[in-house]
PDB file of N, CA and C in Angstrom:
ATOM      1  N   UNK A   1     120.006  63.508  88.939  1.00  0.00           N
ATOM      2  CA  UNK A   1     119.570  63.181  90.273  1.00  0.00           C
ATOM      3  C   UNK A   1     118.087  63.531  90.387  1.00  0.00           C
ATOM      4  N   UNK A   2     117.316  62.609  90.872  1.00  0.00           N
ATOM      5  CA  UNK A   2     115.871  62.828  90.991  1.00  0.00           C
ATOM      6  C   UNK A   2     115.494  63.056  92.456  1.00  0.00           C
ATOM      7  N   UNK A   3     114.736  64.114  92.682  1.00  0.00           N
ATOM      8  CA  UNK A   3     114.215  64.428  94.009  1.00  0.00           C
ATOM      9  C   UNK A   3     113.035  65.371  93.813  1.00  0.00           C
ATOM     10  N   UNK A   4     112.221  65.449  94.824  1.00  0.00           N
ATOM     11  CA  UNK A   4     111.036  66.302  94.721  1.00  0.00           C
ATOM     12  C   UNK A   4     111.362  67.722  95.197  1.00  0.00           C
ATOM     13  N   UNK A   5     110.490  68.643  94.832  1.00  0.00           N
ATOM     14  CA  UNK A   5     110.632  70.021  95.300  1.00  0.00           C
ATOM     15  C   UNK A   5     110.513  70.062  96.824  1.00  0.00           C
ATOM     16  N   UNK A   6     109.637  69.241  97.368  1.00  0.00           N
ATOM     17  CA  UNK A   6     109.458  69.194  98.823  1.00  0.00           C
ATOM     18  C   UNK A   6     110.754  68.741  99.493  1.00  0.00           C
ATOM     19  N   UNK A   7     111.400  67.722  98.935  1.00  0.00           N
ATOM     20  CA  UNK A   7     112.658  67.236  99.502  1.00  0.00           C
ATOM     21  C   UNK A   7     113.744  68.312  99.428  1.00  0.00           C
ATOM     22  N   UNK A   8     113.805  69.035  98.327  1.00  0.00           N
ATOM     23  CA  UNK A   8     114.789  70.109  98.182  1.00  0.00           C
ATOM     24  C   UNK A   8     114.504  71.232  99.176  1.00  0.00           C
ATOM     25  N   UNK A   9     113.259  71.612  99.310  1.00  0.00           N
ATOM     26  CA  UNK A   9     112.901  72.660 100.267  1.00  0.00           C
ATOM     27  C   UNK A   9     113.262  72.229 101.682  1.00  0.00           C
ATOM     28  N   UNK A  10     112.952  70.987 102.029  1.00  0.00           N
ATOM     29  CA  UNK A  10     113.298  70.474 103.358  1.00  0.00           C
ATOM     30  C   UNK A  10     114.806  70.519 103.587  1.00  0.00           C
ATOM     31  N   UNK A  11     115.573  70.193 102.564  1.00  0.00           N
ATOM     32  CA  UNK A  11     117.038  70.211 102.674  1.00  0.00           C
ATOM     33  C   UNK A  11     117.546  71.638 102.857  1.00  0.00           C
ATOM     34  N   UNK A  12     116.973  72.585 102.120  1.00  0.00           N
ATOM     35  CA  UNK A  12     117.357  73.991 102.267  1.00  0.00           C
ATOM     36  C   UNK A  12     117.060  74.469 103.687  1.00  0.00           C
ATOM     37  N   UNK A  13     115.893  74.117 104.200  1.00  0.00           N
ATOM     38  CA  UNK A  13     115.518  74.513 105.561  1.00  0.00           C
ATOM     39  C   UNK A  13     116.433  73.859 106.593  1.00  0.00           C
ATOM     40  N   UNK A  14     116.865  72.648 106.323  1.00  0.00           N
ATOM     41  CA  UNK A  14     117.793  71.950 107.215  1.00  0.00           C
ATOM     42  C   UNK A  14     119.163  72.643 107.201  1.00  0.00           C
ATOM     43  N   UNK A  15     119.618  73.021 106.022  1.00  0.00           N
ATOM     44  CA  UNK A  15     120.945  73.629 105.888  1.00  0.00           C
ATOM     45  C   UNK A  15     120.974  75.075 106.369  1.00  0.00           C
ATOM     46  N   UNK A  16     119.848  75.741 106.316  1.00  0.00           N
ATOM     47  CA  UNK A  16     119.755  77.144 106.709  1.00  0.00           C
ATOM     48  C   UNK A  16     118.659  77.295 107.770  1.00  0.00           C
ATOM     49  N   UNK A  17     118.915  76.827 109.009  1.00  0.00           N
ATOM     50  CA  UNK A  17     117.882  76.854 110.064  1.00  0.00           C
ATOM     51  C   UNK A  17     117.445  78.260 110.446  1.00  0.00           C
ATOM     52  N   UNK A  18     118.243  79.261 110.087  1.00  0.00           N
ATOM     53  CA  UNK A  18     117.864  80.639 110.399  1.00  0.00           C
ATOM     54  C   UNK A  18     116.580  81.048 109.684  1.00  0.00           C
ATOM     55  N   UNK A  19     116.237  80.363 108.608  1.00  0.00           N
ATOM     56  CA  UNK A  19     114.982  80.659 107.895  1.00  0.00           C
ATOM     57  C   UNK A  19     113.797  80.448 108.832  1.00  0.00           C
ATOM     58  N   UNK A  20     113.764  79.293 109.471  1.00  0.00           N
ATOM     59  CA  UNK A  20     112.647  78.998 110.370  1.00  0.00           C
ATOM     60  C   UNK A  20     112.791  79.749 111.690  1.00  0.00           C
ATOM     61  N   UNK A  21     114.026  79.940 112.142  1.00  0.00           N
ATOM     62  CA  UNK A  21     114.252  80.641 113.404  1.00  0.00           C
ATOM     63  C   UNK A  21     113.692  82.068 113.348  1.00  0.00           C
ATOM     64  N   UNK A  22     113.732  82.680 112.169  1.00  0.00           N
ATOM     65  CA  UNK A  22     113.219  84.037 112.003  1.00  0.00           C
ATOM     66  C   UNK A  22     111.825  84.061 111.382  1.00  0.00           C
ATOM     67  N   UNK A  23     111.191  82.895 111.347  1.00  0.00           N
ATOM     68  CA  UNK A  23     109.808  82.784 110.865  1.00  0.00           C
ATOM     69  C   UNK A  23     109.633  83.330 109.452  1.00  0.00           C
ATOM     70  N   UNK A  24     110.581  82.995 108.580  1.00  0.00           N
ATOM     71  CA  UNK A  24     110.495  83.408 107.189  1.00  0.00           C
ATOM     72  C   UNK A  24     109.762  82.339 106.399  1.00  0.00           C
ATOM     73  N   UNK A  25     108.822  82.730 105.584  1.00  0.00           N
ATOM     74  CA  UNK A  25     108.109  81.791 104.717  1.00  0.00           C
ATOM     75  C   UNK A  25     108.976  81.511 103.501  1.00  0.00           C
ATOM     76  N   UNK A  26     108.949  80.272 103.047  1.00  0.00           N
ATOM     77  CA  UNK A  26     109.782  79.871 101.919  1.00  0.00           C
ATOM     78  C   UNK A  26     108.932  79.152 100.885  1.00  0.00           C
ATOM     79  N   UNK A  27     109.150  79.514  99.634  1.00  0.00           N
ATOM     80  CA  UNK A  27     108.465  78.862  98.525  1.00  0.00           C
ATOM     81  C   UNK A  27     109.518  78.458  97.504  1.00  0.00           C
ATOM     82  N   UNK A  28     109.296  77.350  96.857  1.00  0.00           N
ATOM     83  CA  UNK A  28     110.246  76.831  95.886  1.00  0.00           C
ATOM     84  C   UNK A  28     109.478  76.254  94.709  1.00  0.00           C
ATOM     85  N   UNK A  29     109.813  76.706  93.505  1.00  0.00           N
ATOM     86  CA  UNK A  29     109.205  76.173  92.282  1.00  0.00           C
ATOM     87  C   UNK A  29     110.306  75.964  91.249  1.00  0.00           C
ATOM     88  N   UNK A  30     110.042  75.089  90.303  1.00  0.00           N
ATOM     89  CA  UNK A  30     110.999  74.866  89.223  1.00  0.00           C
ATOM     90  C   UNK A  30     110.540  75.636  87.998  1.00  0.00           C
ATOM     91  N   UNK A  31     111.435  76.430  87.451  1.00  0.00           N
ATOM     92  CA  UNK A  31     111.162  77.218  86.249  1.00  0.00           C
ATOM     93  C   UNK A  31     111.790  76.481  85.068  1.00  0.00           C
ATOM     94  N   UNK A  32     110.954  75.828  84.262  1.00  0.00           N
ATOM     95  CA  UNK A  32     111.455  75.043  83.130  1.00  0.00           C
ATOM     96  C   UNK A  32     112.215  75.910  82.131  1.00  0.00           C
ATOM     97  N   UNK A  33     111.731  77.109  81.885  1.00  0.00           N
ATOM     98  CA  UNK A  33     112.374  77.991  80.906  1.00  0.00           C
ATOM     99  C   UNK A  33     113.791  78.356  81.322  1.00  0.00           C
ATOM    100  N   UNK A  34     114.005  78.523  82.614  1.00  0.00           N
ATOM    101  CA  UNK A  34     115.333  78.883  83.124  1.00  0.00           C
ATOM    102  C   UNK A  34     116.138  77.663  83.544  1.00  0.00           C
ATOM    103  N   UNK A  35     115.488  76.511  83.579  1.00  0.00           N
ATOM    104  CA  UNK A  35     116.107  75.266  84.031  1.00  0.00           C
ATOM    105  C   UNK A  35     116.750  75.474  85.403  1.00  0.00           C
ATOM    106  N   UNK A  36     115.995  76.141  86.275  1.00  0.00           N
ATOM    107  CA  UNK A  36     116.484  76.449  87.616  1.00  0.00           C
ATOM    108  C   UNK A  36     115.295  76.516  88.574  1.00  0.00           C
ATOM    109  N   UNK A  37     115.614  76.373  89.850  1.00  0.00           N
ATOM    110  CA  UNK A  37     114.597  76.522  90.883  1.00  0.00           C
ATOM    111  C   UNK A  37     114.523  77.989  91.276  1.00  0.00           C
ATOM    112  N   UNK A  38     113.323  78.464  91.522  1.00  0.00           N
ATOM    113  CA  UNK A  38     113.125  79.815  92.006  1.00  0.00           C
ATOM    114  C   UNK A  38     112.790  79.702  93.491  1.00  0.00           C
ATOM    115  N   UNK A  39     113.639  80.298  94.310  1.00  0.00           N
ATOM    116  CA  UNK A  39     113.476  80.263  95.763  1.00  0.00           C
ATOM    117  C   UNK A  39     112.989  81.638  96.205  1.00  0.00           C
ATOM    118  N   UNK A  40     111.880  81.650  96.916  1.00  0.00           N
ATOM    119  CA  UNK A  40     111.338  82.897  97.442  1.00  0.00           C
ATOM    120  C   UNK A  40     111.246  82.783  98.952  1.00  0.00           C
ATOM    121  N   UNK A  41     111.844  83.758  99.624  1.00  0.00           N
ATOM    122  CA  UNK A  41     111.794  83.835 101.080  1.00  0.00           C
ATOM    123  C   UNK A  41     111.147  85.174 101.401  1.00  0.00           C
ATOM    124  N   UNK A  42     110.147  85.152 102.291  1.00  0.00           N
ATOM    125  CA  UNK A  42     109.497  86.421 102.612  1.00  0.00           C
ATOM    126  C   UNK A  42     108.988  86.448 104.041  1.00  0.00           C
ATOM    127  N   UNK A  43     108.816  87.651 104.490  1.00  0.00           N
ATOM    128  CA  UNK A  43     108.217  87.901 105.798  1.00  0.00           C
ATOM    129  C   UNK A  43     107.643  89.307 105.742  1.00  0.00           C
ATOM    130  N   UNK A  44     106.387  89.408 106.074  1.00  0.00           N
ATOM    131  CA  UNK A  44     105.738  90.707 105.979  1.00  0.00           C
ATOM    132  C   UNK A  44     105.776  91.181 104.539  1.00  0.00           C
ATOM    133  N   UNK A  45     106.130  92.412 104.342  1.00  0.00           N
ATOM    134  CA  UNK A  45     106.197  92.964 102.992  1.00  0.00           C
ATOM    135  C   UNK A  45     107.558  92.823 102.345  1.00  0.00           C
ATOM    136  N   UNK A  46     108.472  92.114 102.974  1.00  0.00           N
ATOM    137  CA  UNK A  46     109.823  91.961 102.453  1.00  0.00           C
ATOM    138  C   UNK A  46     109.980  90.592 101.795  1.00  0.00           C
ATOM    139  N   UNK A  47     110.648  90.580 100.648  1.00  0.00           N
ATOM    140  CA  UNK A  47     110.760  89.340  99.888  1.00  0.00           C
ATOM    141  C   UNK A  47     112.120  89.250  99.209  1.00  0.00           C
ATOM    142  N   UNK A  48     112.667  88.043  99.224  1.00  0.00           N
ATOM    143  CA  UNK A  48     113.890  87.718  98.497  1.00  0.00           C
ATOM    144  C   UNK A  48     113.531  86.645  97.486  1.00  0.00           C
ATOM    145  N   UNK A  49     113.821  86.906  96.225  1.00  0.00           N
ATOM    146  CA  UNK A  49     113.619  85.906  95.182  1.00  0.00           C
ATOM    147  C   UNK A  49     114.957  85.681  94.504  1.00  0.00           C
ATOM    148  N   UNK A  50     115.353  84.423  94.423  1.00  0.00           N
ATOM    149  CA  UNK A  50     116.629  84.091  93.804  1.00  0.00           C
ATOM    150  C   UNK A  50     116.499  82.779  93.050  1.00  0.00           C
ATOM    151  N   UNK A  51     117.467  82.510  92.204  1.00  0.00           N
ATOM    152  CA  UNK A  51     117.469  81.279  91.420  1.00  0.00           C
ATOM    153  C   UNK A  51     118.517  80.322  91.963  1.00  0.00           C
ATOM    154  N   UNK A  52     118.183  79.064  91.945  1.00  0.00           N
ATOM    155  CA  UNK A  52     119.086  77.999  92.353  1.00  0.00           C
ATOM    156  C   UNK A  52     119.252  77.076  91.151  1.00  0.00           C
ATOM    157  N   UNK A  53     120.418  77.136  90.560  1.00  0.00           N
ATOM    158  CA  UNK A  53     120.678  76.322  89.377  1.00  0.00           C
ATOM    159  C   UNK A  53     120.563  74.838  89.726  1.00  0.00           C
ATOM    160  N   UNK A  54     120.241  74.034  88.728  1.00  0.00           N
ATOM    161  CA  UNK A  54     120.042  72.603  88.948  1.00  0.00           C
ATOM    162  C   UNK A  54     121.273  71.949  89.586  1.00  0.00           C
ATOM    163  N   UNK A  55     122.467  72.311  89.138  1.00  0.00           N
ATOM    164  CA  UNK A  55     123.702  71.728  89.703  1.00  0.00           C
ATOM    165  C   UNK A  55     123.852  72.101  91.177  1.00  0.00           C
ATOM    166  N   UNK A  56     123.491  73.350  91.517  1.00  0.00           N
ATOM    167  CA  UNK A  56     123.549  73.775  92.919  1.00  0.00           C
ATOM    168  C   UNK A  56     122.502  73.038  93.751  1.00  0.00           C
ATOM    169  N   UNK A  57     121.339  72.810  93.185  1.00  0.00           N
ATOM    170  CA  UNK A  57     120.295  72.057  93.884  1.00  0.00           C
ATOM    171  C   UNK A  57     120.757  70.619  94.121  1.00  0.00           C
ATOM    172  N   UNK A  58     121.408  70.032  93.124  1.00  0.00           N
ATOM    173  CA  UNK A  58     121.951  68.679  93.284  1.00  0.00           C
ATOM    174  C   UNK A  58     122.976  68.646  94.416  1.00  0.00           C
ATOM    175  N   UNK A  59     123.855  69.650  94.432  1.00  0.00           N
ATOM    176  CA  UNK A  59     124.855  69.729  95.507  1.00  0.00           C
ATOM    177  C   UNK A  59     124.176  69.849  96.864  1.00  0.00           C
ATOM    178  N   UNK A  60     123.149  70.677  96.915  1.00  0.00           N
ATOM    179  CA  UNK A  60     122.400  70.864  98.157  1.00  0.00           C
ATOM    180  C   UNK A  60     121.848  69.530  98.655  1.00  0.00           C
ATOM    181  N   UNK A  61     121.268  68.778  97.755  1.00  0.00           N
ATOM    182  CA  UNK A  61     120.713  67.481  98.134  1.00  0.00           C
ATOM    183  C   UNK A  61     121.799  66.508  98.586  1.00  0.00           C
ATOM    184  N   UNK A  62     123.036  66.759  98.172  1.00  0.00           N
ATOM    185  CA  UNK A  62     124.169  65.936  98.592  1.00  0.00           C
ATOM    186  C   UNK A  62     124.865  66.500  99.829  1.00  0.00           C
ATOM    187  N   UNK A  63     124.247  67.511 100.444  1.00  0.00           N
ATOM    188  CA  UNK A  63     124.779  68.057 101.685  1.00  0.00           C
ATOM    189  C   UNK A  63     125.815  69.154 101.515  1.00  0.00           C
ATOM    190  N   UNK A  64     125.943  69.669 100.293  1.00  0.00           N
ATOM    191  CA  UNK A  64     126.904  70.735 100.030  1.00  0.00           C
ATOM    192  C   UNK A  64     126.142  72.051  99.971  1.00  0.00           C
ATOM    193  N   UNK A  65     126.503  72.977 100.850  1.00  0.00           N
ATOM    194  CA  UNK A  65     125.805  74.271 100.878  1.00  0.00           C
ATOM    195  C   UNK A  65     126.090  75.053  99.612  1.00  0.00           C
ATOM    196  N   UNK A  66     125.055  75.682  99.112  1.00  0.00           N
ATOM    197  CA  UNK A  66     125.176  76.551  97.951  1.00  0.00           C
ATOM    198  C   UNK A  66     125.601  77.930  98.446  1.00  0.00           C
ATOM    199  N   UNK A  67     126.800  78.338  98.077  1.00  0.00           N
ATOM    200  CA  UNK A  67     127.363  79.582  98.597  1.00  0.00           C
ATOM    201  C   UNK A  67     126.499  80.787  98.225  1.00  0.00           C
ATOM    202  N   UNK A  68     126.101  80.897  96.974  1.00  0.00           N
ATOM    203  CA  UNK A  68     125.336  82.083  96.566  1.00  0.00           C
ATOM    204  C   UNK A  68     123.988  82.148  97.269  1.00  0.00           C
ATOM    205  N   UNK A  69     123.303  81.021  97.398  1.00  0.00           N
ATOM    206  CA  UNK A  69     122.021  81.005  98.102  1.00  0.00           C
ATOM    207  C   UNK A  69     122.243  81.346  99.572  1.00  0.00           C
ATOM    208  N   UNK A  70     123.264  80.771 100.163  1.00  0.00           N
ATOM    209  CA  UNK A  70     123.569  81.028 101.567  1.00  0.00           C
ATOM    210  C   UNK A  70     123.848  82.489 101.847  1.00  0.00           C
ATOM    211  N   UNK A  71     124.606  83.135 100.969  1.00  0.00           N
ATOM    212  CA  UNK A  71     124.928  84.553 101.144  1.00  0.00           C
ATOM    213  C   UNK A  71     123.665  85.395 101.085  1.00  0.00           C
ATOM    214  N   UNK A  72     122.804  85.108 100.143  1.00  0.00           N
ATOM    215  CA  UNK A  72     121.566  85.884 100.000  1.00  0.00           C
ATOM    216  C   UNK A  72     120.640  85.686 101.199  1.00  0.00           C
ATOM    217  N   UNK A  73     120.515  84.440 101.642  1.00  0.00           N
ATOM    218  CA  UNK A  73     119.671  84.167 102.806  1.00  0.00           C
ATOM    219  C   UNK A  73     120.267  84.831 104.038  1.00  0.00           C
ATOM    220  N   UNK A  74     121.578  84.738 104.181  1.00  0.00           N
ATOM    221  CA  UNK A  74     122.246  85.356 105.327  1.00  0.00           C
ATOM    222  C   UNK A  74     121.987  86.856 105.384  1.00  0.00           C
ATOM    223  N   UNK A  75     122.087  87.538 104.254  1.00  0.00           N
ATOM    224  CA  UNK A  75     121.855  88.979 104.225  1.00  0.00           C
ATOM    225  C   UNK A  75     120.397  89.307 104.546  1.00  0.00           C
ATOM    226  N   UNK A  76     119.480  88.529 104.004  1.00  0.00           N
ATOM    227  CA  UNK A  76     118.062  88.739 104.270  1.00  0.00           C
ATOM    228  C   UNK A  76     117.780  88.577 105.764  1.00  0.00           C
ATOM    229  N   UNK A  77     118.358  87.533 106.371  1.00  0.00           N
ATOM    230  CA  UNK A  77     118.175  87.274 107.801  1.00  0.00           C
ATOM    231  C   UNK A  77     118.821  88.386 108.634  1.00  0.00           C
ATOM    232  N   UNK A  78     120.008  88.833 108.239  1.00  0.00           N
ATOM    233  CA  UNK A  78     120.670  89.906 108.987  1.00  0.00           C
ATOM    234  C   UNK A  78     119.816  91.164 109.022  1.00  0.00           C
ATOM    235  N   UNK A  79     119.117  91.446 107.934  1.00  0.00           N
ATOM    236  CA  UNK A  79     118.220  92.596 107.910  1.00  0.00           C
ATOM    237  C   UNK A  79     117.145  92.470 108.992  1.00  0.00           C
ATOM    238  N   UNK A  80     116.590  91.264 109.164  1.00  0.00           N
ATOM    239  CA  UNK A  80     115.577  91.063 110.195  1.00  0.00           C
ATOM    240  C   UNK A  80     116.193  91.116 111.581  1.00  0.00           C
ATOM    241  N   UNK A  81     117.382  90.537 111.761  1.00  0.00           N
ATOM    242  CA  UNK A  81     118.039  90.589 113.065  1.00  0.00           C
ATOM    243  C   UNK A  81     118.298  92.030 113.476  1.00  0.00           C
ATOM    244  N   UNK A  82     118.766  92.833 112.535  1.00  0.00           N
ATOM    245  CA  UNK A  82     119.035  94.236 112.818  1.00  0.00           C
ATOM    246  C   UNK A  82     117.755  94.951 113.232  1.00  0.00           C
ATOM    247  N   UNK A  83     116.677  94.704 112.520  1.00  0.00           N
ATOM    248  CA  UNK A  83     115.395  95.338 112.859  1.00  0.00           C
ATOM    249  C   UNK A  83     114.920  94.892 114.243  1.00  0.00           C
ATOM    250  N   UNK A  84     115.110  93.600 114.556  1.00  0.00           N
ATOM    251  CA  UNK A  84     114.691  93.095 115.859  1.00  0.00           C
ATOM    252  C   UNK A  84     115.522  93.736 116.973  1.00  0.00           C
ATOM    253  N   UNK A  85     116.808  93.911 116.754  1.00  0.00           N
ATOM    254  CA  UNK A  85     117.690  94.499 117.762  1.00  0.00           C
ATOM    255  C   UNK A  85     117.374  95.970 117.984  1.00  0.00           C
ATOM    256  N   UNK A  86     116.975  96.659 116.925  1.00  0.00           N
ATOM    257  CA  UNK A  86     116.696  98.090 117.044  1.00  0.00           C
ATOM    258  C   UNK A  86     115.224  98.369 117.339  1.00  0.00           C
ATOM    259  N   UNK A  87     114.419  97.308 117.377  1.00  0.00           N
ATOM    260  CA  UNK A  87     113.005  97.454 117.692  1.00  0.00           C
ATOM    261  C   UNK A  87     112.149  97.883 116.515  1.00  0.00           C
ATOM    262  N   UNK A  88     112.704  97.864 115.312  1.00  0.00           N
ATOM    263  CA  UNK A  88     111.928  98.211 114.139  1.00  0.00           C
ATOM    264  C   UNK A  88     111.106  97.015 113.693  1.00  0.00           C
ATOM    265  N   UNK A  89     109.997  97.282 113.081  1.00  0.00           N
ATOM    266  CA  UNK A  89     109.166  96.200 112.548  1.00  0.00           C
ATOM    267  C   UNK A  89     109.695  95.830 111.172  1.00  0.00           C
ATOM    268  N   UNK A  90     109.759  94.484 110.862  1.00  0.00           N
ATOM    269  CA  UNK A  90     110.226  94.063 109.524  1.00  0.00           C
ATOM    270  C   UNK A  90     109.229  94.415 108.453  1.00  0.00           C
TER     271      UNK A  90
END
């Protein structure tokens, strides 16, 4: 399946709107050596870096949420929600 990194990033942002809702910056690059996409989500000094296998990226482009990516993003977002609720700075 052929698609651009921009299209994949847009799809990830569409599937996980909490990324933009919490003003998290997202970067996506393809690592040829690992044959996987490297997804980086960050805000302030906090950063999540994870890999998205090509098959998972293909599923994502077909509208199927990637469970492992979703879990990691969810936990990262929950950390910010908790800080916002308690008044701590992220």
